[in-house]
Amino acid sequence: MKVSDVLDERIIDLNVDAKDKDEVLTILSKKLKDAGYIDNVETFKKDIYYRESLGVTGIGNYIAIPHGKSDSVTNVGIAIARLNHEIKWETLDGKGVKFVFLFAVSNNNDYARNHMMLLADIAGKLGNDELVEKLLNTTDVKELKELFA
């Protein structure tokens, strides 16, 4: 499974005005709920914050990949937000975040395997500085999808 296999316009917002981590996680969680990826926003966020407590999900270059297994997930997906302003986030490089990839992962073992493949695919792509620069500047969902094709 690749990132391009799960990109869904319903859970992508490239114009997010969030003031902090909680606000962007809430916005993306609600998108996941509305699109049928999760069945409970609060349970999902609680599980995401549990994972956040275990280690940094800000991978650097203004990118964060919050994730965590949750019983509230009904379908594997990645909600994406491009933020209009950098927000504070715990990151490997000490910078804030401008782009968030929120993984919706079930506790089901089949989903967990897909989660690892997706995480590996996205991490590989985000290791390319040129792609990250294009990503940070895109305001078009079609262009975003092409970057991950």
N, C-alpha and C. Protein backbone atom coordinates (compact mmCIF):
# COMPACT_ATOMS: atom_id res chain seq x y z
N MET A 1 0.84 -1.18 0.00
CA MET A 1 0.00 0.00 0.00
C MET A 1 0.89 1.24 0.00
N LYS A 2 0.52 2.21 -0.84
CA LYS A 2 1.27 3.46 -0.95
C LYS A 2 0.39 4.63 -0.53
N VAL A 3 1.02 5.76 -0.23
CA VAL A 3 0.30 6.96 0.16
C VAL A 3 -0.71 7.34 -0.92
N SER A 4 -0.30 7.26 -2.18
CA SER A 4 -1.19 7.65 -3.28
C SER A 4 -2.48 6.81 -3.31
N ASP A 5 -2.43 5.60 -2.73
CA ASP A 5 -3.61 4.73 -2.69
C ASP A 5 -4.68 5.22 -1.72
N VAL A 6 -4.30 6.03 -0.75
CA VAL A 6 -5.26 6.43 0.29
C VAL A 6 -5.56 7.94 0.31
N LEU A 7 -5.02 8.69 -0.64
CA LEU A 7 -5.31 10.13 -0.66
C LEU A 7 -6.77 10.36 -1.03
N ASP A 8 -7.47 11.05 -0.17
CA ASP A 8 -8.91 11.29 -0.33
C ASP A 8 -9.15 12.79 -0.13
N GLU A 9 -9.64 13.44 -1.17
CA GLU A 9 -9.86 14.89 -1.12
C GLU A 9 -10.73 15.33 0.05
N ARG A 10 -11.59 14.46 0.52
CA ARG A 10 -12.50 14.82 1.62
C ARG A 10 -11.75 15.05 2.93
N ILE A 11 -10.54 14.49 3.04
CA ILE A 11 -9.79 14.62 4.29
C ILE A 11 -8.46 15.37 4.09
N ILE A 12 -8.45 16.20 3.06
CA ILE A 12 -7.28 17.04 2.78
C ILE A 12 -7.74 18.49 2.80
N ASP A 13 -7.02 19.33 3.54
CA ASP A 13 -7.31 20.76 3.58
C ASP A 13 -5.98 21.50 3.49
N LEU A 14 -5.78 22.23 2.41
CA LEU A 14 -4.52 22.92 2.18
C LEU A 14 -4.59 24.40 2.54
N ASN A 15 -5.57 24.75 3.37
CA ASN A 15 -5.75 26.14 3.78
C ASN A 15 -6.26 26.19 5.22
N VAL A 16 -5.45 25.68 6.15
CA VAL A 16 -5.89 25.55 7.54
C VAL A 16 -5.33 26.68 8.39
N ASP A 17 -6.23 27.35 9.09
CA ASP A 17 -5.85 28.39 10.04
C ASP A 17 -5.96 27.82 11.45
N ALA A 18 -4.93 27.14 11.90
CA ALA A 18 -4.93 26.57 13.25
C ALA A 18 -3.89 27.29 14.08
N LYS A 19 -4.22 27.53 15.35
CA LYS A 19 -3.28 28.26 16.21
C LYS A 19 -2.33 27.33 16.96
N ASP A 20 -2.71 26.02 17.05
CA ASP A 20 -1.85 25.09 17.78
C ASP A 20 -2.12 23.65 17.37
N LYS A 21 -1.35 22.75 17.96
CA LYS A 21 -1.45 21.32 17.64
C LYS A 21 -2.86 20.79 17.88
N ASP A 22 -3.45 21.12 19.03
CA ASP A 22 -4.77 20.58 19.34
C ASP A 22 -5.81 21.01 18.31
N GLU A 23 -5.73 22.25 17.89
CA GLU A 23 -6.72 22.73 16.91
C GLU A 23 -6.58 22.01 15.58
N VAL A 24 -5.36 21.81 15.09
CA VAL A 24 -5.20 21.11 13.82
C VAL A 24 -5.60 19.64 13.95
N LEU A 25 -5.28 19.01 15.08
CA LEU A 25 -5.70 17.61 15.28
C LEU A 25 -7.22 17.50 15.35
N THR A 26 -7.87 18.48 15.94
CA THR A 26 -9.33 18.49 16.01
C THR A 26 -9.93 18.66 14.61
N ILE A 27 -9.42 19.61 13.86
CA ILE A 27 -9.91 19.86 12.50
C ILE A 27 -9.78 18.60 11.65
N LEU A 28 -8.61 17.97 11.68
CA LEU A 28 -8.40 16.78 10.86
C LEU A 28 -9.21 15.59 11.36
N SER A 29 -9.35 15.45 12.67
CA SER A 29 -10.15 14.35 13.23
C SER A 29 -11.62 14.49 12.82
N LYS A 30 -12.13 15.70 12.82
CA LYS A 30 -13.52 15.92 12.40
C LYS A 30 -13.69 15.59 10.92
N LYS A 31 -12.70 15.91 10.10
CA LYS A 31 -12.76 15.55 8.68
C LYS A 31 -12.79 14.02 8.54
N LEU A 32 -11.95 13.33 9.31
CA LEU A 32 -11.95 11.87 9.28
C LEU A 32 -13.30 11.30 9.70
N LYS A 33 -13.90 11.88 10.72
CA LYS A 33 -15.22 11.42 11.19
C LYS A 33 -16.27 11.64 10.12
N ASP A 34 -16.30 12.86 9.56
CA ASP A 34 -17.30 13.20 8.54
C ASP A 34 -17.19 12.33 7.30
N ALA A 35 -15.97 11.88 6.98
CA ALA A 35 -15.74 11.05 5.80
C ALA A 35 -15.85 9.55 6.10
N GLY A 36 -16.14 9.18 7.36
CA GLY A 36 -16.35 7.78 7.70
C GLY A 36 -15.09 6.99 8.01
N TYR A 37 -13.99 7.66 8.30
CA TYR A 37 -12.75 6.96 8.63
C TYR A 37 -12.66 6.60 10.11
N ILE A 38 -13.29 7.41 10.95
CA ILE A 38 -13.32 7.13 12.39
C ILE A 38 -14.76 7.29 12.88
N ASP A 39 -15.07 6.68 14.02
CA ASP A 39 -16.44 6.81 14.53
C ASP A 39 -16.54 7.68 15.78
N ASN A 40 -15.38 8.12 16.33
CA ASN A 40 -15.43 8.95 17.52
C ASN A 40 -14.20 9.87 17.58
N VAL A 41 -14.43 11.17 17.46
CA VAL A 41 -13.35 12.15 17.43
C VAL A 41 -12.55 12.16 18.73
N GLU A 42 -13.24 12.18 19.88
CA GLU A 42 -12.53 12.28 21.17
C GLU A 42 -11.68 11.05 21.47
N THR A 43 -12.23 9.87 21.19
CA THR A 43 -11.46 8.63 21.41
C THR A 43 -10.24 8.61 20.50
N PHE A 44 -10.43 8.99 19.26
CA PHE A 44 -9.33 9.01 18.31
C PHE A 44 -8.24 9.98 18.77
N LYS A 45 -8.64 11.19 19.15
CA LYS A 45 -7.65 12.18 19.60
C LYS A 45 -6.92 11.71 20.86
N LYS A 46 -7.64 11.06 21.76
CA LYS A 46 -7.00 10.53 22.97
C LYS A 46 -5.90 9.54 22.60
N ASP A 47 -6.18 8.67 21.62
CA ASP A 47 -5.20 7.69 21.18
C ASP A 47 -4.02 8.36 20.46
N ILE A 48 -4.28 9.41 19.71
CA ILE A 48 -3.21 10.16 19.04
C ILE A 48 -2.31 10.81 20.09
N TYR A 49 -2.93 11.43 21.10
CA TYR A 49 -2.13 12.08 22.14
C TYR A 49 -1.34 11.06 22.96
N TYR A 50 -1.88 9.86 23.13
CA TYR A 50 -1.11 8.82 23.82
C TYR A 50 0.17 8.54 23.03
N ARG A 51 0.03 8.37 21.71
CA ARG A 51 1.21 8.12 20.86
C ARG A 51 2.16 9.32 20.91
N GLU A 52 1.62 10.53 20.91
CA GLU A 52 2.45 11.73 20.99
C GLU A 52 3.30 11.73 22.26
N SER A 53 2.74 11.17 23.34
CA SER A 53 3.47 11.14 24.62
C SER A 53 4.66 10.18 24.58
N LEU A 54 4.68 9.28 23.61
CA LEU A 54 5.76 8.28 23.53
C LEU A 54 6.97 8.76 22.74
N GLY A 55 6.78 9.78 21.91
CA GLY A 55 7.91 10.26 21.11
C GLY A 55 7.48 11.29 20.09
N VAL A 56 8.45 12.00 19.61
CA VAL A 56 8.25 13.10 18.67
C VAL A 56 7.69 12.61 17.33
N THR A 57 6.65 13.30 16.83
CA THR A 57 6.10 12.98 15.51
C THR A 57 6.40 14.08 14.49
N GLY A 58 7.03 15.15 14.94
CA GLY A 58 7.50 16.18 14.02
C GLY A 58 8.83 15.73 13.46
N ILE A 59 8.85 15.38 12.17
CA ILE A 59 10.03 14.75 11.58
C ILE A 59 11.05 15.75 11.07
N GLY A 60 10.74 17.04 11.16
CA GLY A 60 11.64 18.07 10.65
C GLY A 60 11.13 18.63 9.34
N ASN A 61 11.81 19.66 8.84
CA ASN A 61 11.39 20.31 7.59
C ASN A 61 9.94 20.78 7.62
N TYR A 62 9.46 21.16 8.81
CA TYR A 62 8.10 21.69 9.00
C TYR A 62 7.00 20.65 8.81
N ILE A 63 7.35 19.36 8.92
CA ILE A 63 6.40 18.27 8.70
C ILE A 63 6.17 17.49 10.00
N ALA A 64 4.89 17.16 10.26
CA ALA A 64 4.55 16.28 11.38
C ALA A 64 3.72 15.12 10.86
N ILE A 65 3.96 13.96 11.45
CA ILE A 65 3.21 12.75 11.07
C ILE A 65 2.63 12.12 12.33
N PRO A 66 1.63 12.77 12.94
CA PRO A 66 1.01 12.16 14.12
C PRO A 66 0.24 10.89 13.72
N HIS A 67 0.30 9.92 14.58
CA HIS A 67 -0.37 8.64 14.30
C HIS A 67 -0.52 7.88 15.61
N GLY A 68 -1.30 6.85 15.55
CA GLY A 68 -1.50 6.00 16.71
C GLY A 68 -2.63 5.05 16.42
N LYS A 69 -2.58 3.89 17.00
CA LYS A 69 -3.64 2.91 16.78
C LYS A 69 -4.86 3.27 17.63
N SER A 70 -6.04 3.11 17.03
CA SER A 70 -7.27 3.47 17.74
C SER A 70 -8.42 2.55 17.34
N ASP A 71 -9.19 2.15 18.33
CA ASP A 71 -10.39 1.35 18.06
C ASP A 71 -11.45 2.16 17.34
N SER A 72 -11.33 3.47 17.34
CA SER A 72 -12.34 4.31 16.67
C SER A 72 -12.15 4.34 15.15
N VAL A 73 -11.02 3.83 14.65
CA VAL A 73 -10.76 3.84 13.21
C VAL A 73 -11.53 2.72 12.52
N THR A 74 -12.27 3.09 11.48
CA THR A 74 -13.05 2.12 10.71
C THR A 74 -12.47 1.91 9.32
N ASN A 75 -11.55 2.80 8.90
CA ASN A 75 -10.97 2.72 7.58
C ASN A 75 -9.60 3.43 7.61
N VAL A 76 -8.57 2.81 7.04
CA VAL A 76 -7.24 3.41 7.01
C VAL A 76 -7.26 4.65 6.13
N GLY A 77 -6.69 5.74 6.65
CA GLY A 77 -6.60 6.96 5.86
C GLY A 77 -5.57 7.91 6.42
N ILE A 78 -5.28 8.94 5.64
CA ILE A 78 -4.35 9.98 6.07
C ILE A 78 -5.01 11.33 5.82
N ALA A 79 -5.35 12.01 6.91
CA ALA A 79 -5.89 13.36 6.79
C ALA A 79 -4.69 14.31 6.70
N ILE A 80 -4.79 15.29 5.81
CA ILE A 80 -3.66 16.17 5.54
C ILE A 80 -4.07 17.63 5.71
N ALA A 81 -3.19 18.38 6.37
CA ALA A 81 -3.41 19.83 6.52
C ALA A 81 -2.14 20.58 6.15
N ARG A 82 -2.30 21.57 5.29
CA ARG A 82 -1.25 22.56 5.04
C ARG A 82 -1.67 23.79 5.82
N LEU A 83 -0.83 24.21 6.75
CA LEU A 83 -1.18 25.29 7.65
C LEU A 83 -0.79 26.65 7.07
N ASN A 84 -1.63 27.63 7.29
CA ASN A 84 -1.34 28.98 6.80
C ASN A 84 -0.22 29.64 7.58
N HIS A 85 0.01 29.17 8.82
CA HIS A 85 1.05 29.71 9.67
C HIS A 85 1.74 28.56 10.38
N GLU A 86 3.02 28.69 10.60
CA GLU A 86 3.77 27.69 11.35
C GLU A 86 3.23 27.63 12.78
N ILE A 87 3.07 26.41 13.29
CA ILE A 87 2.63 26.23 14.68
C ILE A 87 3.71 25.49 15.46
N LYS A 88 3.64 25.64 16.76
CA LYS A 88 4.58 24.97 17.66
C LYS A 88 4.26 23.47 17.70
N TRP A 89 5.32 22.66 17.65
CA TRP A 89 5.16 21.19 17.66
C TRP A 89 6.50 20.62 18.09
N GLU A 90 6.51 19.52 18.75
CA GLU A 90 7.76 18.86 19.11
C GLU A 90 8.31 18.21 17.84
N THR A 91 9.51 18.65 17.42
CA THR A 91 10.09 18.17 16.17
C THR A 91 11.55 17.77 16.36
N LEU A 92 12.04 16.96 15.45
CA LEU A 92 13.42 16.51 15.50
C LEU A 92 14.41 17.64 15.26
N ASP A 93 14.00 18.66 14.49
CA ASP A 93 14.92 19.75 14.18
C ASP A 93 14.64 21.03 14.98
N GLY A 94 13.68 20.97 15.90
CA GLY A 94 13.38 22.12 16.75
C GLY A 94 12.56 23.21 16.09
N LYS A 95 12.20 23.03 14.82
CA LYS A 95 11.36 24.00 14.11
C LYS A 95 9.89 23.66 14.35
N GLY A 96 9.02 24.59 14.00
CA GLY A 96 7.59 24.33 14.09
C GLY A 96 7.12 23.48 12.92
N VAL A 97 5.80 23.46 12.73
CA VAL A 97 5.18 22.62 11.70
C VAL A 97 4.28 23.48 10.80
N LYS A 98 4.33 23.16 9.51
CA LYS A 98 3.47 23.82 8.52
C LYS A 98 2.61 22.81 7.76
N PHE A 99 2.93 21.52 7.90
CA PHE A 99 2.22 20.47 7.17
C PHE A 99 2.03 19.28 8.09
N VAL A 100 0.80 18.76 8.15
CA VAL A 100 0.49 17.65 9.06
C VAL A 100 -0.15 16.51 8.28
N PHE A 101 0.38 15.32 8.47
CA PHE A 101 -0.19 14.09 7.92
C PHE A 101 -0.69 13.27 9.11
N LEU A 102 -2.00 13.26 9.33
CA LEU A 102 -2.58 12.54 10.47
C LEU A 102 -3.07 11.17 10.02
N PHE A 103 -2.38 10.14 10.48
CA PHE A 103 -2.72 8.76 10.11
C PHE A 103 -3.87 8.25 10.97
N ALA A 104 -4.85 7.64 10.31
CA ALA A 104 -5.94 6.94 11.00
C ALA A 104 -5.63 5.45 10.87
N VAL A 105 -5.29 4.81 11.99
CA VAL A 105 -4.87 3.41 11.99
C VAL A 105 -5.67 2.63 13.03
N SER A 106 -6.21 1.51 12.61
CA SER A 106 -6.99 0.66 13.51
C SER A 106 -6.07 -0.26 14.31
N ASN A 107 -6.58 -0.79 15.41
CA ASN A 107 -5.84 -1.78 16.18
C ASN A 107 -5.82 -3.14 15.48
N ASN A 108 -6.63 -3.30 14.45
CA ASN A 108 -6.68 -4.53 13.66
C ASN A 108 -5.30 -4.78 13.04
N ASN A 109 -4.79 -6.01 13.12
CA ASN A 109 -3.45 -6.34 12.63
C ASN A 109 -3.24 -6.08 11.15
N ASP A 110 -4.27 -6.33 10.31
CA ASP A 110 -4.13 -6.06 8.88
C ASP A 110 -3.92 -4.57 8.64
N TYR A 111 -4.67 -3.74 9.37
CA TYR A 111 -4.52 -2.30 9.24
C TYR A 111 -3.14 -1.87 9.72
N ALA A 112 -2.65 -2.48 10.77
CA ALA A 112 -1.35 -2.12 11.33
C ALA A 112 -0.24 -2.36 10.30
N ARG A 113 -0.34 -3.45 9.56
CA ARG A 113 0.65 -3.74 8.52
C ARG A 113 0.61 -2.66 7.44
N ASN A 114 -0.62 -2.28 7.02
CA ASN A 114 -0.77 -1.23 6.03
C ASN A 114 -0.20 0.08 6.54
N HIS A 115 -0.42 0.34 7.84
CA HIS A 115 0.09 1.56 8.47
C HIS A 115 1.60 1.64 8.33
N MET A 116 2.29 0.55 8.59
CA MET A 116 3.75 0.54 8.51
C MET A 116 4.21 0.76 7.07
N MET A 117 3.51 0.18 6.11
CA MET A 117 3.87 0.39 4.69
C MET A 117 3.63 1.84 4.29
N LEU A 118 2.54 2.42 4.74
CA LEU A 118 2.24 3.82 4.44
C LEU A 118 3.27 4.75 5.08
N LEU A 119 3.59 4.48 6.33
CA LEU A 119 4.57 5.30 7.04
C LEU A 119 5.93 5.25 6.34
N ALA A 120 6.33 4.07 5.91
CA ALA A 120 7.61 3.92 5.19
C ALA A 120 7.57 4.67 3.86
N ASP A 121 6.46 4.57 3.14
CA ASP A 121 6.33 5.24 1.85
C ASP A 121 6.40 6.76 2.03
N ILE A 122 5.65 7.28 2.98
CA ILE A 122 5.62 8.73 3.17
C ILE A 122 6.96 9.24 3.69
N ALA A 123 7.59 8.52 4.59
CA ALA A 123 8.88 8.94 5.13
C ALA A 123 9.93 8.97 4.01
N GLY A 124 9.88 8.00 3.13
CA GLY A 124 10.82 7.97 2.01
C GLY A 124 10.64 9.18 1.10
N LYS A 125 9.40 9.50 0.80
CA LYS A 125 9.12 10.64 -0.07
C LYS A 125 9.49 11.96 0.61
N LEU A 126 9.22 12.06 1.90
CA LEU A 126 9.49 13.31 2.61
C LEU A 126 10.97 13.51 2.91
N GLY A 127 11.78 12.52 2.58
CA GLY A 127 13.23 12.67 2.69
C GLY A 127 13.80 13.46 1.53
N ASN A 128 12.98 13.74 0.53
CA ASN A 128 13.39 14.49 -0.65
C ASN A 128 13.09 15.97 -0.42
N ASP A 129 14.14 16.78 -0.23
CA ASP A 129 13.96 18.21 0.07
C ASP A 129 13.20 18.96 -1.02
N GLU A 130 13.42 18.58 -2.26
CA GLU A 130 12.73 19.25 -3.38
C GLU A 130 11.22 18.99 -3.30
N LEU A 131 10.85 17.75 -3.01
CA LEU A 131 9.44 17.42 -2.87
C LEU A 131 8.82 18.16 -1.68
N VAL A 132 9.55 18.23 -0.58
CA VAL A 132 9.04 18.93 0.61
C VAL A 132 8.81 20.40 0.29
N GLU A 133 9.73 21.02 -0.43
CA GLU A 133 9.57 22.44 -0.80
C GLU A 133 8.30 22.64 -1.64
N LYS A 134 8.08 21.76 -2.61
CA LYS A 134 6.87 21.84 -3.44
C LYS A 134 5.63 21.63 -2.58
N LEU A 135 5.70 20.67 -1.67
CA LEU A 135 4.60 20.36 -0.78
C LEU A 135 4.22 21.56 0.08
N LEU A 136 5.21 22.21 0.65
CA LEU A 136 4.96 23.35 1.53
C LEU A 136 4.33 24.53 0.78
N ASN A 137 4.52 24.57 -0.53
CA ASN A 137 4.00 25.68 -1.33
C ASN A 137 2.74 25.37 -2.11
N THR A 138 2.31 24.12 -2.10
CA THR A 138 1.13 23.77 -2.89
C THR A 138 -0.16 24.21 -2.19
N THR A 139 -1.10 24.66 -3.00
CA THR A 139 -2.43 25.00 -2.50
C THR A 139 -3.49 24.24 -3.28
N ASP A 140 -3.04 23.26 -4.07
CA ASP A 140 -3.92 22.52 -4.96
C ASP A 140 -3.87 21.03 -4.63
N VAL A 141 -5.03 20.45 -4.34
CA VAL A 141 -5.09 19.03 -3.97
C VAL A 141 -4.61 18.13 -5.10
N LYS A 142 -4.95 18.49 -6.34
CA LYS A 142 -4.51 17.69 -7.49
C LYS A 142 -2.97 17.67 -7.55
N GLU A 143 -2.35 18.82 -7.35
CA GLU A 143 -0.89 18.90 -7.35
C GLU A 143 -0.31 18.06 -6.21
N LEU A 144 -0.94 18.12 -5.05
CA LEU A 144 -0.48 17.32 -3.91
C LEU A 144 -0.51 15.84 -4.27
N LYS A 145 -1.60 15.39 -4.87
CA LYS A 145 -1.71 13.99 -5.26
C LYS A 145 -0.61 13.60 -6.25
N GLU A 146 -0.32 14.50 -7.18
CA GLU A 146 0.73 14.22 -8.18
C GLU A 146 2.10 14.08 -7.51
N LEU A 147 2.35 14.86 -6.46
CA LEU A 147 3.62 14.77 -5.75
C LEU A 147 3.83 13.39 -5.11
N PHE A 148 2.73 12.72 -4.79
CA PHE A 148 2.83 11.40 -4.16
C PHE A 148 2.54 10.24 -5.12
N ALA A 149 2.35 10.57 -6.39
CA ALA A 149 2.04 9.52 -7.38
C ALA A 149 3.25 8.65 -7.65
